[in-house]
Every structure is written in structure tokens, then in C-alpha cells.
Amino acid sequence: MPLAEDIITSSHRITAYDRGTISVNEEIYSQSLVMTADSILCPWPVSSLEYLDADSLAPIFESNPTVVLLGTGERQVFPDARIFAQFGERGIGLEVMDNGALCRTFNILVAEDRDVTAAIILTPPST
């Protein structure tokens, strides 16, 4: 689904998404990624919530965000409470949502110059 064009001054803007891909500035990503307004880490080695651990969260914490949007795929699925605790210990807000909601929210927050990091879990389509 294409997203309406907003006036965003950041380097990265999510331009479209579908079941297994995210388009950032018209470049298509089909692997999980972590992105800020100005950086992208892809691939991010998380294909489901069960792979969230200290190592996979490290690049998120390194970006030192105020809030993290965690996209869990087509549906909103909450991670283990221990994951929320790691964010809380660092004073970082964690918002969990489906990937469509994440894409819309990310663009709004970066348009407002908010300090946000998006961690997007993409699952390869089954054959």
C-alpha cells in the first residue's frame, strides 16, 4: 500500500509497505531492519519475536532513541515482559504495533523531528 506523500526533511521516509516488504525512499527491503530518520541497518537478524535478545537489541539501544517502534509483522504481537524491562531500564519508550501502523507512525514522528527508531520484523513469504 503506497503512503501519501508528506513533507519530511529526514534522509529516510517509508514510501510503501506490503506483507513482506518495506520501501524506504523507493528502495525495497525484504529483510528485517532497524532504521532512524538518517540510518538503516539491514539485515537485522530478527525474523520473529523469539529472536529478540540483548545482541539483537544492541543496535537499537546504540541509536539512543527516545521511543522505539517495534513492528511485529501483519499483526501486533507483544514481546516478553523482559524485553519491555530492558527498554524501561534505559528510559526508552517501546511501542509495539503491526508493520502498517509502524510505517504510518514512523513517517509522522520523523516529520515532527522526533527522535524515533523503527525496528521492523519482516518474515519472508512462505512458498
N, C-alpha and C. Protein backbone atom coordinates (compact mmCIF):
# COMPACT_ATOMS: atom_id res chain seq x y z
N MET A 1 0.85 -1.16 0.00
CA MET A 1 0.00 0.00 0.00
C MET A 1 0.90 1.23 0.00
N PRO A 2 0.76 2.06 -1.01
CA PRO A 2 1.53 3.30 -1.03
C PRO A 2 1.04 4.24 0.07
N LEU A 3 1.97 5.03 0.58
CA LEU A 3 1.62 6.02 1.60
C LEU A 3 1.56 7.39 0.94
N ALA A 4 0.68 8.24 1.44
CA ALA A 4 0.57 9.59 0.93
C ALA A 4 1.88 10.33 1.19
N GLU A 5 2.24 11.19 0.27
CA GLU A 5 3.49 11.93 0.42
C GLU A 5 3.35 13.03 1.45
N ASP A 6 4.26 13.04 2.38
CA ASP A 6 4.33 14.08 3.40
C ASP A 6 5.61 14.87 3.16
N ILE A 7 5.67 16.03 3.70
CA ILE A 7 6.90 16.82 3.63
C ILE A 7 7.77 16.39 4.80
N ILE A 8 8.79 15.61 4.49
CA ILE A 8 9.68 15.08 5.51
C ILE A 8 11.09 15.47 5.12
N THR A 9 11.81 16.06 6.03
CA THR A 9 13.15 16.53 5.73
C THR A 9 14.23 15.53 6.09
N SER A 10 13.87 14.42 6.73
CA SER A 10 14.87 13.43 7.10
C SER A 10 15.36 12.70 5.86
N SER A 11 16.45 11.97 6.00
CA SER A 11 17.00 11.21 4.89
C SER A 11 16.13 10.02 4.52
N HIS A 12 15.45 9.43 5.49
CA HIS A 12 14.68 8.22 5.23
C HIS A 12 13.20 8.43 5.49
N ARG A 13 12.42 7.99 4.53
CA ARG A 13 10.96 8.08 4.60
C ARG A 13 10.40 6.77 4.06
N ILE A 14 9.48 6.18 4.78
CA ILE A 14 8.85 4.95 4.31
C ILE A 14 7.83 5.35 3.26
N THR A 15 8.03 4.83 2.05
CA THR A 15 7.18 5.22 0.93
C THR A 15 6.10 4.20 0.61
N ALA A 16 6.27 2.95 1.05
CA ALA A 16 5.25 1.92 0.82
C ALA A 16 5.57 0.71 1.68
N TYR A 17 4.58 -0.13 1.85
CA TYR A 17 4.77 -1.39 2.56
C TYR A 17 3.75 -2.39 2.06
N ASP A 18 4.08 -3.66 2.21
CA ASP A 18 3.11 -4.72 1.99
C ASP A 18 3.48 -5.86 2.92
N ARG A 19 2.94 -7.00 2.69
CA ARG A 19 3.07 -8.11 3.63
C ARG A 19 4.51 -8.42 4.03
N GLY A 20 5.42 -8.45 3.09
CA GLY A 20 6.78 -8.85 3.42
C GLY A 20 7.86 -7.88 3.03
N THR A 21 7.48 -6.64 2.67
CA THR A 21 8.49 -5.67 2.26
C THR A 21 8.16 -4.28 2.82
N ILE A 22 9.20 -3.49 2.89
CA ILE A 22 9.11 -2.08 3.27
C ILE A 22 9.90 -1.31 2.21
N SER A 23 9.34 -0.23 1.71
CA SER A 23 10.07 0.63 0.78
C SER A 23 10.47 1.90 1.50
N VAL A 24 11.76 2.18 1.46
CA VAL A 24 12.30 3.39 2.06
C VAL A 24 12.92 4.20 0.94
N ASN A 25 12.39 5.40 0.72
CA ASN A 25 12.85 6.24 -0.39
C ASN A 25 12.84 5.46 -1.70
N GLU A 26 11.82 4.66 -1.89
CA GLU A 26 11.60 3.86 -3.10
C GLU A 26 12.52 2.64 -3.21
N GLU A 27 13.40 2.42 -2.24
CA GLU A 27 14.23 1.20 -2.22
C GLU A 27 13.50 0.14 -1.40
N ILE A 28 13.38 -1.05 -1.96
CA ILE A 28 12.59 -2.11 -1.32
C ILE A 28 13.48 -2.98 -0.44
N TYR A 29 13.03 -3.21 0.79
CA TYR A 29 13.71 -4.08 1.75
C TYR A 29 12.80 -5.27 2.04
N SER A 30 13.38 -6.47 2.00
CA SER A 30 12.59 -7.68 2.27
C SER A 30 13.15 -8.45 3.47
N GLN A 31 14.10 -7.85 4.17
CA GLN A 31 14.64 -8.44 5.39
C GLN A 31 14.39 -7.47 6.53
N SER A 32 14.31 -8.00 7.73
CA SER A 32 14.09 -7.16 8.91
C SER A 32 15.14 -6.06 8.97
N LEU A 33 14.74 -4.90 9.48
CA LEU A 33 15.67 -3.78 9.53
C LEU A 33 15.39 -2.88 10.73
N VAL A 34 16.40 -2.11 11.08
CA VAL A 34 16.31 -1.07 12.10
C VAL A 34 16.63 0.24 11.40
N MET A 35 15.75 1.21 11.58
CA MET A 35 16.01 2.48 10.90
C MET A 35 15.68 3.67 11.80
N THR A 36 16.42 4.72 11.55
CA THR A 36 16.16 6.01 12.17
C THR A 36 15.87 6.98 11.02
N ALA A 37 15.71 8.23 11.33
CA ALA A 37 15.49 9.22 10.28
C ALA A 37 16.65 9.29 9.31
N ASP A 38 17.85 8.89 9.77
CA ASP A 38 19.05 9.05 8.94
C ASP A 38 19.92 7.81 8.78
N SER A 39 19.49 6.65 9.28
CA SER A 39 20.31 5.45 9.13
C SER A 39 19.44 4.21 8.99
N ILE A 40 20.00 3.21 8.31
CA ILE A 40 19.31 1.93 8.14
C ILE A 40 20.31 0.82 8.39
N LEU A 41 19.90 -0.14 9.22
CA LEU A 41 20.66 -1.36 9.44
C LEU A 41 19.84 -2.50 8.85
N CYS A 42 20.34 -3.09 7.78
CA CYS A 42 19.65 -4.20 7.15
C CYS A 42 20.71 -5.12 6.57
N PRO A 43 20.65 -6.41 6.83
CA PRO A 43 19.59 -7.07 7.57
C PRO A 43 19.80 -6.96 9.09
N TRP A 44 18.70 -6.94 9.79
CA TRP A 44 18.66 -7.04 11.24
C TRP A 44 18.28 -8.48 11.52
N PRO A 45 19.08 -9.24 12.25
CA PRO A 45 18.88 -10.70 12.35
C PRO A 45 17.73 -11.12 13.27
N VAL A 46 16.55 -10.56 13.02
CA VAL A 46 15.37 -10.92 13.81
C VAL A 46 14.23 -11.22 12.83
N SER A 47 13.82 -12.48 12.77
CA SER A 47 12.72 -12.85 11.88
C SER A 47 11.43 -13.13 12.65
N SER A 48 11.51 -13.11 13.99
CA SER A 48 10.33 -13.24 14.84
C SER A 48 10.70 -12.76 16.23
N LEU A 49 9.69 -12.55 17.06
CA LEU A 49 9.94 -12.04 18.41
C LEU A 49 10.83 -12.95 19.23
N GLU A 50 10.84 -14.23 18.96
CA GLU A 50 11.65 -15.15 19.75
C GLU A 50 13.14 -14.88 19.60
N TYR A 51 13.53 -14.13 18.57
CA TYR A 51 14.94 -13.82 18.36
C TYR A 51 15.36 -12.48 18.98
N LEU A 52 14.45 -11.82 19.66
CA LEU A 52 14.82 -10.59 20.36
C LEU A 52 15.62 -10.94 21.61
N ASP A 53 16.84 -10.46 21.68
CA ASP A 53 17.69 -10.68 22.84
C ASP A 53 18.65 -9.51 22.95
N ALA A 54 19.54 -9.56 23.90
CA ALA A 54 20.47 -8.45 24.14
C ALA A 54 21.28 -8.11 22.89
N ASP A 55 21.74 -9.13 22.16
CA ASP A 55 22.55 -8.87 20.96
C ASP A 55 21.73 -8.19 19.87
N SER A 56 20.51 -8.67 19.65
CA SER A 56 19.70 -8.09 18.57
C SER A 56 19.18 -6.70 18.94
N LEU A 57 19.05 -6.42 20.22
CA LEU A 57 18.59 -5.11 20.66
C LEU A 57 19.71 -4.06 20.70
N ALA A 58 20.95 -4.50 20.70
CA ALA A 58 22.09 -3.59 20.82
C ALA A 58 22.07 -2.46 19.79
N PRO A 59 21.84 -2.73 18.49
CA PRO A 59 21.84 -1.61 17.54
C PRO A 59 20.70 -0.62 17.79
N ILE A 60 19.62 -1.08 18.36
CA ILE A 60 18.52 -0.18 18.69
C ILE A 60 18.95 0.74 19.82
N PHE A 61 19.54 0.16 20.86
CA PHE A 61 19.97 0.98 22.01
C PHE A 61 21.10 1.92 21.63
N GLU A 62 21.95 1.53 20.67
CA GLU A 62 23.06 2.39 20.24
C GLU A 62 22.56 3.67 19.58
N SER A 63 21.37 3.61 18.97
CA SER A 63 20.84 4.81 18.33
C SER A 63 20.31 5.81 19.36
N ASN A 64 20.25 5.40 20.63
CA ASN A 64 19.86 6.26 21.74
C ASN A 64 18.55 7.03 21.49
N PRO A 65 17.50 6.29 21.12
CA PRO A 65 16.24 6.96 20.80
C PRO A 65 15.44 7.33 22.04
N THR A 66 14.48 8.19 21.85
CA THR A 66 13.50 8.49 22.89
C THR A 66 12.41 7.43 22.89
N VAL A 67 12.03 7.01 21.68
CA VAL A 67 10.99 6.00 21.53
C VAL A 67 11.37 5.03 20.41
N VAL A 68 11.00 3.77 20.60
CA VAL A 68 11.21 2.74 19.59
C VAL A 68 9.86 2.20 19.17
N LEU A 69 9.67 2.14 17.86
CA LEU A 69 8.50 1.49 17.29
C LEU A 69 8.92 0.10 16.88
N LEU A 70 8.28 -0.92 17.43
CA LEU A 70 8.58 -2.31 17.08
C LEU A 70 7.45 -2.84 16.22
N GLY A 71 7.74 -3.12 14.96
CA GLY A 71 6.76 -3.69 14.04
C GLY A 71 6.89 -5.20 14.06
N THR A 72 5.78 -5.87 14.34
CA THR A 72 5.81 -7.32 14.54
C THR A 72 5.18 -8.09 13.38
N GLY A 73 5.08 -7.48 12.23
CA GLY A 73 4.53 -8.17 11.07
C GLY A 73 3.11 -7.72 10.77
N GLU A 74 2.31 -8.62 10.23
CA GLU A 74 0.94 -8.28 9.84
C GLU A 74 0.03 -8.03 11.04
N ARG A 75 0.40 -8.61 12.17
CA ARG A 75 -0.40 -8.45 13.38
C ARG A 75 0.46 -7.91 14.51
N GLN A 76 -0.17 -7.23 15.42
CA GLN A 76 0.52 -6.76 16.62
C GLN A 76 0.66 -7.94 17.57
N VAL A 77 1.91 -8.24 17.94
CA VAL A 77 2.20 -9.32 18.89
C VAL A 77 3.19 -8.75 19.90
N PHE A 78 2.87 -8.89 21.17
CA PHE A 78 3.72 -8.29 22.20
C PHE A 78 4.87 -9.21 22.58
N PRO A 79 6.07 -8.63 22.74
CA PRO A 79 7.22 -9.43 23.18
C PRO A 79 7.10 -9.75 24.67
N ASP A 80 8.00 -10.59 25.12
CA ASP A 80 8.09 -10.97 26.52
C ASP A 80 8.30 -9.72 27.39
N ALA A 81 7.80 -9.77 28.61
CA ALA A 81 7.94 -8.65 29.54
C ALA A 81 9.39 -8.26 29.77
N ARG A 82 10.31 -9.22 29.66
CA ARG A 82 11.74 -8.91 29.85
C ARG A 82 12.25 -7.93 28.80
N ILE A 83 11.67 -7.99 27.61
CA ILE A 83 12.06 -7.04 26.56
C ILE A 83 11.61 -5.63 26.95
N PHE A 84 10.37 -5.51 27.41
CA PHE A 84 9.88 -4.20 27.87
C PHE A 84 10.75 -3.68 28.99
N ALA A 85 11.20 -4.56 29.88
CA ALA A 85 12.03 -4.15 31.02
C ALA A 85 13.36 -3.57 30.54
N GLN A 86 13.96 -4.15 29.50
CA GLN A 86 15.23 -3.63 29.00
C GLN A 86 15.08 -2.20 28.48
N PHE A 87 13.95 -1.92 27.85
CA PHE A 87 13.71 -0.56 27.38
C PHE A 87 13.44 0.38 28.56
N GLY A 88 12.63 -0.09 29.49
CA GLY A 88 12.31 0.72 30.67
C GLY A 88 13.53 1.08 31.47
N GLU A 89 14.47 0.13 31.63
CA GLU A 89 15.71 0.39 32.38
C GLU A 89 16.53 1.51 31.76
N ARG A 90 16.37 1.69 30.45
CA ARG A 90 17.13 2.72 29.73
C ARG A 90 16.32 4.00 29.53
N GLY A 91 15.09 4.01 30.01
CA GLY A 91 14.25 5.19 29.84
C GLY A 91 13.79 5.41 28.41
N ILE A 92 13.68 4.33 27.65
CA ILE A 92 13.26 4.40 26.25
C ILE A 92 11.85 3.85 26.14
N GLY A 93 10.97 4.60 25.49
CA GLY A 93 9.61 4.13 25.27
C GLY A 93 9.59 3.06 24.19
N LEU A 94 8.76 2.05 24.37
CA LEU A 94 8.61 0.99 23.38
C LEU A 94 7.14 0.90 23.00
N GLU A 95 6.88 1.09 21.72
CA GLU A 95 5.52 0.98 21.18
C GLU A 95 5.51 -0.21 20.21
N VAL A 96 4.65 -1.16 20.47
CA VAL A 96 4.56 -2.37 19.64
C VAL A 96 3.32 -2.26 18.77
N MET A 97 3.49 -2.51 17.48
CA MET A 97 2.37 -2.39 16.54
C MET A 97 2.60 -3.26 15.32
N ASP A 98 1.56 -3.43 14.51
CA ASP A 98 1.76 -4.15 13.25
C ASP A 98 2.58 -3.26 12.32
N ASN A 99 3.13 -3.84 11.26
CA ASN A 99 4.04 -3.09 10.40
C ASN A 99 3.37 -1.93 9.67
N GLY A 100 2.10 -2.08 9.31
CA GLY A 100 1.40 -0.98 8.64
C GLY A 100 1.30 0.23 9.55
N ALA A 101 0.89 0.01 10.79
CA ALA A 101 0.80 1.10 11.75
C ALA A 101 2.17 1.70 12.00
N LEU A 102 3.19 0.87 12.07
CA LEU A 102 4.56 1.37 12.29
C LEU A 102 4.95 2.32 11.17
N CYS A 103 4.71 1.92 9.93
CA CYS A 103 5.12 2.76 8.80
C CYS A 103 4.45 4.13 8.85
N ARG A 104 3.17 4.16 9.10
CA ARG A 104 2.46 5.43 9.18
C ARG A 104 2.97 6.27 10.35
N THR A 105 3.15 5.64 11.50
CA THR A 105 3.59 6.35 12.70
C THR A 105 5.01 6.88 12.55
N PHE A 106 5.90 6.06 11.99
CA PHE A 106 7.29 6.48 11.80
C PHE A 106 7.34 7.77 10.97
N ASN A 107 6.64 7.79 9.84
CA ASN A 107 6.67 8.98 8.99
C ASN A 107 6.15 10.21 9.71
N ILE A 108 5.12 10.05 10.50
CA ILE A 108 4.59 11.19 11.25
C ILE A 108 5.61 11.70 12.26
N LEU A 109 6.24 10.77 13.00
CA LEU A 109 7.19 11.17 14.04
C LEU A 109 8.44 11.81 13.45
N VAL A 110 8.96 11.29 12.35
CA VAL A 110 10.15 11.93 11.77
C VAL A 110 9.79 13.27 11.14
N ALA A 111 8.56 13.41 10.64
CA ALA A 111 8.13 14.71 10.11
C ALA A 111 8.08 15.76 11.22
N GLU A 112 7.84 15.29 12.45
CA GLU A 112 7.82 16.18 13.61
C GLU A 112 9.21 16.31 14.24
N ASP A 113 10.24 15.78 13.58
CA ASP A 113 11.62 15.79 14.07
C ASP A 113 11.76 15.11 15.42
N ARG A 114 10.99 14.06 15.66
CA ARG A 114 11.07 13.29 16.89
C ARG A 114 12.21 12.29 16.79
N ASP A 115 12.81 11.95 17.90
CA ASP A 115 13.92 11.01 17.99
C ASP A 115 13.37 9.59 18.09
N VAL A 116 13.13 8.97 16.94
CA VAL A 116 12.47 7.67 16.89
C VAL A 116 13.33 6.67 16.12
N THR A 117 13.28 5.44 16.59
CA THR A 117 13.90 4.32 15.89
C THR A 117 12.82 3.30 15.59
N ALA A 118 12.83 2.79 14.36
CA ALA A 118 11.88 1.74 13.98
C ALA A 118 12.63 0.43 13.85
N ALA A 119 12.12 -0.59 14.51
CA ALA A 119 12.65 -1.95 14.39
C ALA A 119 11.54 -2.77 13.74
N ILE A 120 11.77 -3.18 12.51
CA ILE A 120 10.72 -3.79 11.70
C ILE A 120 11.05 -5.25 11.42
N ILE A 121 10.20 -6.13 11.90
CA ILE A 121 10.38 -7.57 11.68
C ILE A 121 9.64 -7.94 10.40
N LEU A 122 10.39 -8.40 9.41
CA LEU A 122 9.82 -8.86 8.15
C LEU A 122 10.06 -10.37 8.06
N THR A 123 9.01 -11.07 7.77
CA THR A 123 9.09 -12.52 7.62
C THR A 123 9.01 -12.85 6.14
N PRO A 124 9.96 -13.63 5.64
CA PRO A 124 9.91 -13.97 4.21
C PRO A 124 8.60 -14.70 3.91
N PRO A 125 8.01 -14.43 2.74
CA PRO A 125 6.78 -15.12 2.39
C PRO A 125 7.03 -16.62 2.25
N SER A 126 6.06 -17.40 2.70
CA SER A 126 6.21 -18.85 2.58
C SER A 126 5.92 -19.25 1.13
N THR A 127 6.58 -20.31 0.73
CA THR A 127 6.42 -20.74 -0.67
C THR A 127 5.36 -21.78 -0.81
